[in-house]
Amino acid sequence: MFAMSNEEKSASAWNFRSNPENTMAKSVSTLTLKKYKQEGKKIVCLTAYDYSTAKILDQAGVDLILVGDSLAMVALGHKTTHAVTMEDMIHHTKAVTRGVERALVVADLPFMSYQVDETHAISNAGRFIKEAQAQAVKLEGATELNLQVISRLVSMGIPVMGHLGFTPQSINVFGGTHVQGKSADDAIKLIEDSLALERAGVFSLVLEMVPHSVSKIISQKLQIPAIGIGAGDGCDGQILVTDDLLGKYTDFKPRFVRRYASLDEVCSEAIKNYASDVMTSKFPNAQESFFLSETEEKLFQDRLKAGSKN
């Protein structure tokens, strides 16, 4: 037999994971992701904010679905992630978990939902697990409070995903959307923070807009999976905002996004065709309509005629 190339092995693994009839590919846990890292299998992650999108991603074999606070911009039309609330996030996480059977669902803790104190953070994280049925939460940064919160949450049975590099909730501190870890000192700090998050108990770590060599070193040093977004191919997996990938959200396109479709064009064309058919009475046609039986139609017309004489 011929040996399989790395690309063929990856394709085979993906076909296995995305096959809905494969009962062994039914449920992804934090341990599954760690196992994938140990076996050198890339982890596939995407975002979702609603039932139908979540169901599509799950059936396609996506390993981790993040209900991201990018919801604020992509679905609600805000300029930053700051405006999204706990109630918004809980509402959309509930919708996502209803559509998922296999993937691990992680919910973003929104801005100011975990930065105040431990009690506040624990209460909000617990709501995602208890009310919305998420399996884990994600928070940004490696502050002393965050490390304490992570340790407490993990001890209480709530898995936590970390997030370093460009952290969107700190966009005002960064002065905009900029690559992080560009100097040697900043790169070392990212490594130190990554290890601190791992010690605190995170099961995985998102690295956003980090130089390739830095994210690769972090991935090698960590026992947990590092998931990249604009961090090069040295990470253990990748995540993108689904609406970016599909070309549905077009307000702007980050450099690290690859568009695999142009749904804005597809949707626009479909809507124009629908409008044209409505205006020219081509929609609906007979197959798309309902009719009375011949007997009931005659009775109906007779009743109308009798009524018009009164």
C-alpha atoms as a PDB file:
ATOM      1  CA  MET A   1       0.000   0.000   0.000  1.00  0.00           C
ATOM      2  CA  PHE A   2       1.072   3.577  -0.651  1.00  0.00           C
ATOM      3  CA  ALA A   3       1.681   5.797   2.386  1.00  0.00           C
ATOM      4  CA  MET A   4      -0.825   8.639   2.752  1.00  0.00           C
ATOM      5  CA  SER A   5       0.447  12.205   2.540  1.00  0.00           C
ATOM      6  CA  ASN A   6      -0.277  14.646   5.366  1.00  0.00           C
ATOM      7  CA  GLU A   7      -2.897  16.315   3.151  1.00  0.00           C
ATOM      8  CA  GLU A   8      -4.597  12.969   2.472  1.00  0.00           C
ATOM      9  CA  LYS A   9      -4.555  12.096   6.164  1.00  0.00           C
ATOM     10  CA  SER A  10      -6.126  15.446   7.019  1.00  0.00           C
ATOM     11  CA  ALA A  11      -8.800  15.004   4.362  1.00  0.00           C
ATOM     12  CA  SER A  12      -9.539  11.482   5.605  1.00  0.00           C
ATOM     13  CA  ALA A  13      -9.819  12.691   9.207  1.00  0.00           C
ATOM     14  CA  TRP A  14     -12.148  15.517   8.156  1.00  0.00           C
ATOM     15  CA  ASN A  15     -14.411  13.157   6.186  1.00  0.00           C
ATOM     16  CA  PHE A  16     -14.585  10.926   9.254  1.00  0.00           C
ATOM     17  CA  ARG A  17     -15.482  13.800  11.585  1.00  0.00           C
ATOM     18  CA  SER A  18     -18.043  15.361   9.218  1.00  0.00           C
ATOM     19  CA  ASN A  19     -19.951  12.139   8.508  1.00  0.00           C
ATOM     20  CA  PRO A  20     -23.249  12.454  10.452  1.00  0.00           C
ATOM     21  CA  GLU A  21     -23.706   8.677  10.330  1.00  0.00           C
ATOM     22  CA  ASN A  22     -20.439   8.063  12.146  1.00  0.00           C
ATOM     23  CA  THR A  23     -21.474   7.568  15.759  1.00  0.00           C
ATOM     24  CA  MET A  24     -17.853   7.800  16.894  1.00  0.00           C
ATOM     25  CA  ALA A  25     -17.831  11.423  15.688  1.00  0.00           C
ATOM     26  CA  LYS A  26     -20.863  12.458  17.708  1.00  0.00           C
ATOM     27  CA  SER A  27     -19.543  14.522  20.583  1.00  0.00           C
ATOM     28  CA  VAL A  28     -16.510  16.772  20.911  1.00  0.00           C
ATOM     29  CA  SER A  29     -15.239  17.566  24.405  1.00  0.00           C
ATOM     30  CA  THR A  30     -12.299  19.501  25.784  1.00  0.00           C
ATOM     31  CA  LEU A  31     -10.484  16.171  26.033  1.00  0.00           C
ATOM     32  CA  THR A  32     -11.179  15.515  22.342  1.00  0.00           C
ATOM     33  CA  LEU A  33      -9.417  18.742  21.419  1.00  0.00           C
ATOM     34  CA  LYS A  34      -6.423  17.890  23.573  1.00  0.00           C
ATOM     35  CA  LYS A  35      -6.296  14.458  21.925  1.00  0.00           C
ATOM     36  CA  TYR A  36      -6.352  16.071  18.486  1.00  0.00           C
ATOM     37  CA  LYS A  37      -3.362  18.204  19.459  1.00  0.00           C
ATOM     38  CA  GLN A  38      -1.452  15.152  20.676  1.00  0.00           C
ATOM     39  CA  GLU A  39      -2.224  13.331  17.420  1.00  0.00           C
ATOM     40  CA  GLY A  40      -1.363  16.334  15.258  1.00  0.00           C
ATOM     41  CA  LYS A  41      -4.925  16.726  13.952  1.00  0.00           C
ATOM     42  CA  LYS A  42      -5.901  20.295  13.138  1.00  0.00           C
ATOM     43  CA  ILE A  43      -8.922  21.632  15.023  1.00  0.00           C
ATOM     44  CA  VAL A  44     -11.638  23.346  12.980  1.00  0.00           C
ATOM     45  CA  CYS A  45     -13.497  26.206  14.677  1.00  0.00           C
ATOM     46  CA  LEU A  46     -16.067  28.734  13.487  1.00  0.00           C
ATOM     47  CA  THR A  47     -18.617  31.154  14.941  1.00  0.00           C
ATOM     48  CA  ALA A  48     -22.407  30.937  14.995  1.00  0.00           C
ATOM     49  CA  TYR A  49     -25.159  33.096  16.465  1.00  0.00           C
ATOM     50  CA  ASP A  50     -28.329  31.254  15.390  1.00  0.00           C
ATOM     51  CA  TYR A  51     -29.877  27.800  15.176  1.00  0.00           C
ATOM     52  CA  SER A  52     -29.723  27.227  11.414  1.00  0.00           C
ATOM     53  CA  THR A  53     -26.092  28.311  11.032  1.00  0.00           C
ATOM     54  CA  ALA A  54     -25.058  26.235  14.040  1.00  0.00           C
ATOM     55  CA  LYS A  55     -26.781  23.177  12.590  1.00  0.00           C
ATOM     56  CA  ILE A  56     -24.993  23.607   9.246  1.00  0.00           C
ATOM     57  CA  LEU A  57     -21.597  23.957  10.938  1.00  0.00           C
ATOM     58  CA  ASP A  58     -22.242  20.981  13.205  1.00  0.00           C
ATOM     59  CA  GLN A  59     -23.311  18.712  10.362  1.00  0.00           C
ATOM     60  CA  ALA A  60     -20.292  19.812   8.328  1.00  0.00           C
ATOM     61  CA  GLY A  61     -18.027  18.485  11.082  1.00  0.00           C
ATOM     62  CA  VAL A  62     -16.799  21.691  12.741  1.00  0.00           C
ATOM     63  CA  ASP A  63     -15.174  20.763  16.057  1.00  0.00           C
ATOM     64  CA  LEU A  64     -15.769  23.922  18.073  1.00  0.00           C
ATOM     65  CA  ILE A  65     -18.502  26.516  17.592  1.00  0.00           C
ATOM     66  CA  LEU A  66     -17.932  29.853  19.282  1.00  0.00           C
ATOM     67  CA  VAL A  67     -20.860  32.110  20.053  1.00  0.00           C
ATOM     68  CA  GLY A  68     -18.588  35.120  19.800  1.00  0.00           C
ATOM     69  CA  ASP A  69     -19.152  38.643  20.999  1.00  0.00           C
ATOM     70  CA  SER A  70     -18.524  39.487  17.335  1.00  0.00           C
ATOM     71  CA  LEU A  71     -22.301  39.040  17.379  1.00  0.00           C
ATOM     72  CA  ALA A  72     -22.380  42.745  18.275  1.00  0.00           C
ATOM     73  CA  MET A  73     -20.925  43.746  14.916  1.00  0.00           C
ATOM     74  CA  VAL A  74     -21.919  40.939  12.558  1.00  0.00           C
ATOM     75  CA  ALA A  75     -25.521  40.376  13.649  1.00  0.00           C
ATOM     76  CA  LEU A  76     -26.477  43.525  15.554  1.00  0.00           C
ATOM     77  CA  GLY A  77     -24.693  46.207  13.537  1.00  0.00           C
ATOM     78  CA  HIS A  78     -22.544  47.787  16.259  1.00  0.00           C
ATOM     79  CA  LYS A  79     -19.101  49.253  15.531  1.00  0.00           C
ATOM     80  CA  THR A  80     -17.297  47.255  18.258  1.00  0.00           C
ATOM     81  CA  THR A  81     -17.976  44.253  20.483  1.00  0.00           C
ATOM     82  CA  HIS A  82     -18.540  46.473  23.537  1.00  0.00           C
ATOM     83  CA  ALA A  83     -22.271  46.986  23.023  1.00  0.00           C
ATOM     84  CA  VAL A  84     -23.333  43.335  23.257  1.00  0.00           C
ATOM     85  CA  THR A  85     -24.908  42.397  26.595  1.00  0.00           C
ATOM     86  CA  MET A  86     -25.166  39.238  28.667  1.00  0.00           C
ATOM     87  CA  GLU A  87     -28.826  38.977  27.687  1.00  0.00           C
ATOM     88  CA  ASP A  88     -27.897  39.208  23.995  1.00  0.00           C
ATOM     89  CA  MET A  89     -25.256  36.524  24.401  1.00  0.00           C
ATOM     90  CA  ILE A  90     -27.486  34.195  26.431  1.00  0.00           C
ATOM     91  CA  HIS A  91     -30.298  34.555  23.877  1.00  0.00           C
ATOM     92  CA  HIS A  92     -28.078  33.679  20.916  1.00  0.00           C
ATOM     93  CA  THR A  93     -26.189  30.918  22.736  1.00  0.00           C
ATOM     94  CA  LYS A  94     -29.499  29.209  23.472  1.00  0.00           C
ATOM     95  CA  ALA A  95     -30.300  29.275  19.755  1.00  0.00           C
ATOM     96  CA  VAL A  96     -26.913  27.821  18.839  1.00  0.00           C
ATOM     97  CA  THR A  97     -26.977  24.970  21.343  1.00  0.00           C
ATOM     98  CA  ARG A  98     -30.388  23.897  20.053  1.00  0.00           C
ATOM     99  CA  GLY A  99     -28.828  23.279  16.639  1.00  0.00           C
ATOM    100  CA  VAL A 100     -25.730  21.372  17.776  1.00  0.00           C
ATOM    101  CA  GLU A 101     -25.298  17.668  18.497  1.00  0.00           C
ATOM    102  CA  ARG A 102     -21.570  17.041  18.020  1.00  0.00           C
ATOM    103  CA  ALA A 103     -19.490  20.225  18.254  1.00  0.00           C
ATOM    104  CA  LEU A 104     -18.229  21.811  21.462  1.00  0.00           C
ATOM    105  CA  VAL A 105     -20.127  25.080  22.004  1.00  0.00           C
ATOM    106  CA  VAL A 106     -18.164  27.889  23.663  1.00  0.00           C
ATOM    107  CA  ALA A 107     -19.760  31.211  24.635  1.00  0.00           C
ATOM    108  CA  ASP A 108     -17.909  34.512  24.833  1.00  0.00           C
ATOM    109  CA  LEU A 109     -18.168  36.391  28.106  1.00  0.00           C
ATOM    110  CA  PRO A 110     -19.004  39.919  26.889  1.00  0.00           C
ATOM    111  CA  PHE A 111     -17.285  43.148  27.874  1.00  0.00           C
ATOM    112  CA  MET A 112     -17.630  43.990  31.591  1.00  0.00           C
ATOM    113  CA  SER A 113     -19.266  40.656  32.422  1.00  0.00           C
ATOM    114  CA  TYR A 114     -16.118  39.280  34.097  1.00  0.00           C
ATOM    115  CA  GLN A 115     -13.819  42.265  34.700  1.00  0.00           C
ATOM    116  CA  VAL A 116     -15.527  43.610  37.838  1.00  0.00           C
ATOM    117  CA  ASP A 117     -14.901  40.870  40.402  1.00  0.00           C
ATOM    118  CA  GLU A 118     -14.836  37.088  40.829  1.00  0.00           C
ATOM    119  CA  THR A 119     -18.417  36.802  42.030  1.00  0.00           C
ATOM    120  CA  HIS A 120     -19.760  38.734  39.052  1.00  0.00           C
ATOM    121  CA  ALA A 121     -17.665  36.695  36.618  1.00  0.00           C
ATOM    122  CA  ILE A 122     -18.629  33.338  38.129  1.00  0.00           C
ATOM    123  CA  SER A 123     -22.327  34.217  38.125  1.00  0.00           C
ATOM    124  CA  ASN A 124     -22.267  35.244  34.465  1.00  0.00           C
ATOM    125  CA  ALA A 125     -20.224  32.242  33.360  1.00  0.00           C
ATOM    126  CA  GLY A 126     -22.607  29.950  35.195  1.00  0.00           C
ATOM    127  CA  ARG A 127     -25.561  31.372  33.303  1.00  0.00           C
ATOM    128  CA  PHE A 128     -24.058  30.255  29.978  1.00  0.00           C
ATOM    129  CA  ILE A 129     -23.757  26.685  31.247  1.00  0.00           C
ATOM    130  CA  LYS A 130     -27.025  26.499  33.167  1.00  0.00           C
ATOM    131  CA  GLU A 131     -29.402  28.603  31.063  1.00  0.00           C
ATOM    132  CA  ALA A 132     -27.910  28.424  27.566  1.00  0.00           C
ATOM    133  CA  GLN A 133     -26.459  24.889  27.714  1.00  0.00           C
ATOM    134  CA  ALA A 134     -23.019  25.963  26.459  1.00  0.00           C
ATOM    135  CA  GLN A 135     -20.183  23.589  27.352  1.00  0.00           C
ATOM    136  CA  ALA A 136     -17.544  26.258  28.008  1.00  0.00           C
ATOM    137  CA  VAL A 137     -16.933  29.997  28.152  1.00  0.00           C
ATOM    138  CA  LYS A 138     -14.195  32.220  26.733  1.00  0.00           C
ATOM    139  CA  LEU A 139     -12.613  35.341  28.176  1.00  0.00           C
ATOM    140  CA  GLU A 140      -9.898  37.718  26.994  1.00  0.00           C
ATOM    141  CA  GLY A 141      -6.563  38.518  28.586  1.00  0.00           C
ATOM    142  CA  ALA A 142      -4.393  37.180  31.391  1.00  0.00           C
ATOM    143  CA  THR A 143      -4.842  39.738  34.148  1.00  0.00           C
ATOM    144  CA  GLU A 144      -4.445  38.648  37.758  1.00  0.00           C
ATOM    145  CA  LEU A 145      -8.226  38.753  38.181  1.00  0.00           C
ATOM    146  CA  ASN A 146      -8.745  36.693  35.029  1.00  0.00           C
ATOM    147  CA  LEU A 147      -6.345  34.016  36.246  1.00  0.00           C
ATOM    148  CA  GLN A 148      -8.190  33.837  39.562  1.00  0.00           C
ATOM    149  CA  VAL A 149     -11.551  33.680  37.804  1.00  0.00           C
ATOM    150  CA  ILE A 150     -10.357  30.903  35.477  1.00  0.00           C
ATOM    151  CA  SER A 151      -9.047  28.849  38.377  1.00  0.00           C
ATOM    152  CA  ARG A 152     -12.327  29.225  40.271  1.00  0.00           C
ATOM    153  CA  LEU A 153     -14.478  28.423  37.250  1.00  0.00           C
ATOM    154  CA  VAL A 154     -12.500  25.307  36.372  1.00  0.00           C
ATOM    155  CA  SER A 155     -12.703  24.118  39.977  1.00  0.00           C
ATOM    156  CA  MET A 156     -16.479  24.531  39.744  1.00  0.00           C
ATOM    157  CA  GLY A 157     -16.710  22.448  36.574  1.00  0.00           C
ATOM    158  CA  ILE A 158     -16.884  25.249  33.992  1.00  0.00           C
ATOM    159  CA  PRO A 159     -14.293  24.843  31.210  1.00  0.00           C
ATOM    160  CA  VAL A 160     -12.647  28.091  30.095  1.00  0.00           C
ATOM    161  CA  MET A 161     -11.017  29.069  26.813  1.00  0.00           C
ATOM    162  CA  GLY A 162      -8.425  31.847  26.862  1.00  0.00           C
ATOM    163  CA  HIS A 163      -7.775  34.583  24.302  1.00  0.00           C
ATOM    164  CA  LEU A 164      -4.531  36.531  23.791  1.00  0.00           C
ATOM    165  CA  GLY A 165      -2.962  38.771  21.176  1.00  0.00           C
ATOM    166  CA  PHE A 166      -5.415  41.243  19.751  1.00  0.00           C
ATOM    167  CA  THR A 167      -8.336  41.071  22.151  1.00  0.00           C
ATOM    168  CA  PRO A 168     -11.244  43.043  20.631  1.00  0.00           C
ATOM    169  CA  GLN A 169     -12.674  44.100  23.983  1.00  0.00           C
ATOM    170  CA  SER A 170      -9.437  46.085  24.527  1.00  0.00           C
ATOM    171  CA  ILE A 171      -9.547  47.836  21.152  1.00  0.00           C
ATOM    172  CA  ASN A 172      -9.565  51.286  22.798  1.00  0.00           C
ATOM    173  CA  VAL A 173      -6.452  50.442  24.798  1.00  0.00           C
ATOM    174  CA  PHE A 174      -4.677  49.180  21.664  1.00  0.00           C
ATOM    175  CA  GLY A 175      -5.721  52.267  19.718  1.00  0.00           C
ATOM    176  CA  GLY A 176      -7.288  50.198  16.961  1.00  0.00           C
ATOM    177  CA  THR A 177      -6.994  46.791  15.345  1.00  0.00           C
ATOM    178  CA  HIS A 178      -3.272  46.006  15.409  1.00  0.00           C
ATOM    179  CA  VAL A 179      -1.016  42.938  15.408  1.00  0.00           C
ATOM    180  CA  GLN A 180       0.228  42.131  18.919  1.00  0.00           C
ATOM    181  CA  GLY A 181       3.591  40.680  19.967  1.00  0.00           C
ATOM    182  CA  LYS A 182       5.579  42.489  17.274  1.00  0.00           C
ATOM    183  CA  SER A 183       8.534  43.310  19.536  1.00  0.00           C
ATOM    184  CA  ALA A 184      10.739  40.758  21.297  1.00  0.00           C
ATOM    185  CA  ASP A 185       9.551  41.987  24.710  1.00  0.00           C
ATOM    186  CA  ASP A 186       5.890  41.790  23.713  1.00  0.00           C
ATOM    187  CA  ALA A 187       6.396  38.346  22.193  1.00  0.00           C
ATOM    188  CA  ILE A 188       7.971  37.040  25.407  1.00  0.00           C
ATOM    189  CA  LYS A 189       5.066  38.538  27.365  1.00  0.00           C
ATOM    190  CA  LEU A 190       2.608  36.655  25.156  1.00  0.00           C
ATOM    191  CA  ILE A 191       4.450  33.406  25.844  1.00  0.00           C
ATOM    192  CA  GLU A 192       4.438  34.084  29.587  1.00  0.00           C
ATOM    193  CA  ASP A 193       0.738  34.955  29.566  1.00  0.00           C
ATOM    194  CA  SER A 194      -0.060  31.816  27.565  1.00  0.00           C
ATOM    195  CA  LEU A 195       1.707  29.625  30.093  1.00  0.00           C
ATOM    196  CA  ALA A 196      -0.008  31.468  32.953  1.00  0.00           C
ATOM    197  CA  LEU A 197      -3.412  30.801  31.381  1.00  0.00           C
ATOM    198  CA  GLU A 198      -2.529  27.136  30.950  1.00  0.00           C
ATOM    199  CA  ARG A 199      -1.512  26.896  34.619  1.00  0.00           C
ATOM    200  CA  ALA A 200      -4.777  28.571  35.608  1.00  0.00           C
ATOM    201  CA  GLY A 201      -6.644  25.789  33.821  1.00  0.00           C
ATOM    202  CA  VAL A 202      -7.817  26.923  30.370  1.00  0.00           C
ATOM    203  CA  PHE A 203      -8.471  23.985  28.042  1.00  0.00           C
ATOM    204  CA  SER A 204      -7.532  25.940  24.922  1.00  0.00           C
ATOM    205  CA  LEU A 205      -6.267  29.336  23.841  1.00  0.00           C
ATOM    206  CA  VAL A 206      -7.167  31.662  20.958  1.00  0.00           C
ATOM    207  CA  LEU A 207      -4.234  33.624  19.518  1.00  0.00           C
ATOM    208  CA  GLU A 208      -5.439  36.556  17.434  1.00  0.00           C
ATOM    209  CA  MET A 209      -3.279  38.667  15.121  1.00  0.00           C
ATOM    210  CA  VAL A 210       0.031  37.365  16.437  1.00  0.00           C
ATOM    211  CA  PRO A 211       3.202  36.951  14.321  1.00  0.00           C
ATOM    212  CA  HIS A 212       3.605  33.446  12.912  1.00  0.00           C
ATOM    213  CA  SER A 213       6.851  32.592  14.717  1.00  0.00           C
ATOM    214  CA  VAL A 214       5.430  33.723  18.069  1.00  0.00           C
ATOM    215  CA  SER A 215       2.205  31.725  17.776  1.00  0.00           C
ATOM    216  CA  LYS A 216       4.160  28.670  16.607  1.00  0.00           C
ATOM    217  CA  ILE A 217       6.434  28.787  19.675  1.00  0.00           C
ATOM    218  CA  ILE A 218       3.413  29.230  21.951  1.00  0.00           C
ATOM    219  CA  SER A 219       1.694  26.237  20.348  1.00  0.00           C
ATOM    220  CA  GLN A 220       4.809  24.126  20.862  1.00  0.00           C
ATOM    221  CA  LYS A 221       5.202  25.145  24.498  1.00  0.00           C
ATOM    222  CA  LEU A 222       1.588  24.549  25.488  1.00  0.00           C
ATOM    223  CA  GLN A 223       0.066  21.180  26.311  1.00  0.00           C
ATOM    224  CA  ILE A 224      -3.344  22.619  25.427  1.00  0.00           C
ATOM    225  CA  PRO A 225      -4.458  23.479  21.854  1.00  0.00           C
ATOM    226  CA  ALA A 226      -3.721  26.953  20.518  1.00  0.00           C
ATOM    227  CA  ILE A 227      -6.311  28.152  18.000  1.00  0.00           C
ATOM    228  CA  GLY A 228      -5.200  30.822  15.559  1.00  0.00           C
ATOM    229  CA  ILE A 229      -7.025  33.682  13.922  1.00  0.00           C
ATOM    230  CA  GLY A 230      -4.583  35.742  11.939  1.00  0.00           C
ATOM    231  CA  ALA A 231      -1.746  33.897  13.692  1.00  0.00           C
ATOM    232  CA  GLY A 232      -0.301  31.713  10.932  1.00  0.00           C
ATOM    233  CA  ASP A 233      -0.461  27.994  10.321  1.00  0.00           C
ATOM    234  CA  GLY A 234       1.687  26.946  13.273  1.00  0.00           C
ATOM    235  CA  CYS A 235      -1.294  26.766  15.614  1.00  0.00           C
ATOM    236  CA  ASP A 236      -3.162  23.579  16.492  1.00  0.00           C
ATOM    237  CA  GLY A 237      -6.320  24.810  14.793  1.00  0.00           C
ATOM    238  CA  GLN A 238      -7.980  27.802  13.191  1.00  0.00           C
ATOM    239  CA  ILE A 239     -11.063  29.910  13.767  1.00  0.00           C
ATOM    240  CA  LEU A 240     -12.793  32.513  11.624  1.00  0.00           C
ATOM    241  CA  VAL A 241     -16.016  34.459  11.873  1.00  0.00           C
ATOM    242  CA  THR A 242     -18.371  32.409   9.708  1.00  0.00           C
ATOM    243  CA  ASP A 243     -19.975  35.486   8.161  1.00  0.00           C
ATOM    244  CA  ASP A 244     -16.507  36.626   7.030  1.00  0.00           C
ATOM    245  CA  LEU A 245     -15.684  33.224   5.553  1.00  0.00           C
ATOM    246  CA  LEU A 246     -18.979  33.110   3.651  1.00  0.00           C
ATOM    247  CA  GLY A 247     -18.808  36.712   2.448  1.00  0.00           C
ATOM    248  CA  LYS A 248     -22.037  37.590   4.221  1.00  0.00           C
ATOM    249  CA  TYR A 249     -20.619  40.345   6.442  1.00  0.00           C
ATOM    250  CA  THR A 250     -18.933  42.839   4.146  1.00  0.00           C
ATOM    251  CA  ASP A 251     -18.522  46.033   6.206  1.00  0.00           C
ATOM    252  CA  PHE A 252     -14.802  45.278   6.193  1.00  0.00           C
ATOM    253  CA  LYS A 253     -12.507  42.311   5.489  1.00  0.00           C
ATOM    254  CA  PRO A 254      -9.590  41.612   7.836  1.00  0.00           C
ATOM    255  CA  ARG A 255      -6.342  40.659   6.104  1.00  0.00           C
ATOM    256  CA  PHE A 256      -6.367  37.208   7.692  1.00  0.00           C
ATOM    257  CA  VAL A 257      -9.809  36.292   6.303  1.00  0.00           C
ATOM    258  CA  ARG A 258     -10.121  34.015   3.298  1.00  0.00           C
ATOM    259  CA  ARG A 259     -13.512  34.215   1.604  1.00  0.00           C
ATOM    260  CA  TYR A 260     -14.785  30.800   0.545  1.00  0.00           C
ATOM    261  CA  ALA A 261     -18.062  32.186  -0.824  1.00  0.00           C
ATOM    262  CA  SER A 262     -19.749  35.478  -1.638  1.00  0.00           C
ATOM    263  CA  LEU A 263     -23.137  35.067  -0.011  1.00  0.00           C
ATOM    264  CA  ASP A 264     -23.839  38.790  -0.233  1.00  0.00           C
ATOM    265  CA  GLU A 265     -23.875  38.468  -4.038  1.00  0.00           C
ATOM    266  CA  VAL A 266     -25.769  35.161  -3.992  1.00  0.00           C
ATOM    267  CA  CYS A 267     -28.418  36.547  -1.616  1.00  0.00           C
ATOM    268  CA  SER A 268     -28.749  39.813  -3.503  1.00  0.00           C
ATOM    269  CA  GLU A 269     -29.276  38.014  -6.809  1.00  0.00           C
ATOM    270  CA  ALA A 270     -31.821  35.633  -5.250  1.00  0.00           C
ATOM    271  CA  ILE A 271     -33.786  38.507  -3.709  1.00  0.00           C
ATOM    272  CA  LYS A 272     -33.817  40.439  -6.995  1.00  0.00           C
ATOM    273  CA  ASN A 273     -35.119  37.336  -8.784  1.00  0.00           C
ATOM    274  CA  TYR A 274     -37.803  36.871  -6.138  1.00  0.00           C
ATOM    275  CA  ALA A 275     -38.878  40.518  -6.392  1.00  0.00           C
ATOM    276  CA  SER A 276     -39.050  40.265 -10.177  1.00  0.00           C
ATOM    277  CA  ASP A 277     -41.184  37.126 -10.003  1.00  0.00           C
ATOM    278  CA  VAL A 278     -43.557  38.748  -7.503  1.00  0.00           C
ATOM    279  CA  MET A 279     -43.977  41.884  -9.619  1.00  0.00           C
ATOM    280  CA  THR A 280     -44.609  39.884 -12.805  1.00  0.00           C
ATOM    281  CA  SER A 281     -46.929  37.373 -11.079  1.00  0.00           C
ATOM    282  CA  LYS A 282     -44.567  34.471 -11.750  1.00  0.00           C
ATOM    283  CA  PHE A 283     -44.510  33.677  -8.043  1.00  0.00           C
ATOM    284  CA  PRO A 284     -46.280  31.753  -6.705  1.00  0.00           C
ATOM    285  CA  ASN A 285     -47.170  29.228  -9.390  1.00  0.00           C
ATOM    286  CA  ALA A 286     -49.726  26.412  -9.209  1.00  0.00           C
ATOM    287  CA  GLN A 287     -47.307  24.006  -7.546  1.00  0.00           C
ATOM    288  CA  GLU A 288     -46.647  26.574  -4.825  1.00  0.00           C
ATOM    289  CA  SER A 289     -50.348  27.251  -4.132  1.00  0.00           C
ATOM    290  CA  PHE A 290     -53.285  25.431  -2.518  1.00  0.00           C
ATOM    291  CA  PHE A 291     -56.723  24.832  -4.065  1.00  0.00           C
ATOM    292  CA  LEU A 292     -60.179  23.746  -2.995  1.00  0.00           C
ATOM    293  CA  SER A 293     -61.495  20.466  -4.365  1.00  0.00           C
ATOM    294  CA  GLU A 294     -63.808  20.818  -7.358  1.00  0.00           C
ATOM    295  CA  THR A 295     -66.842  20.113  -5.177  1.00  0.00           C
ATOM    296  CA  GLU A 296     -65.873  22.640  -2.513  1.00  0.00           C
ATOM    297  CA  GLU A 297     -64.927  25.203  -5.150  1.00  0.00           C
ATOM    298  CA  LYS A 298     -68.417  24.936  -6.712  1.00  0.00           C
ATOM    299  CA  LEU A 299     -70.103  25.221  -3.311  1.00  0.00           C
ATOM    300  CA  PHE A 300     -67.892  28.204  -2.473  1.00  0.00           C
ATOM    301  CA  GLN A 301     -68.782  29.998  -5.727  1.00  0.00           C
ATOM    302  CA  ASP A 302     -72.468  29.219  -5.260  1.00  0.00           C
ATOM    303  CA  ARG A 303     -72.353  30.697  -1.743  1.00  0.00           C
ATOM    304  CA  LEU A 304     -70.664  33.812  -3.073  1.00  0.00           C
ATOM    305  CA  LYS A 305     -73.329  34.241  -5.756  1.00  0.00           C
ATOM    306  CA  ALA A 306     -76.146  33.697  -3.280  1.00  0.00           C
ATOM    307  CA  GLY A 307     -74.604  36.212  -0.929  1.00  0.00           C
ATOM    308  CA  SER A 308     -74.242  38.850  -3.625  1.00  0.00           C
ATOM    309  CA  LYS A 309     -78.014  38.728  -4.303  1.00  0.00           C
ATOM    310  CA  ASN A 310     -78.875  39.648  -0.707  1.00  0.00           C
END
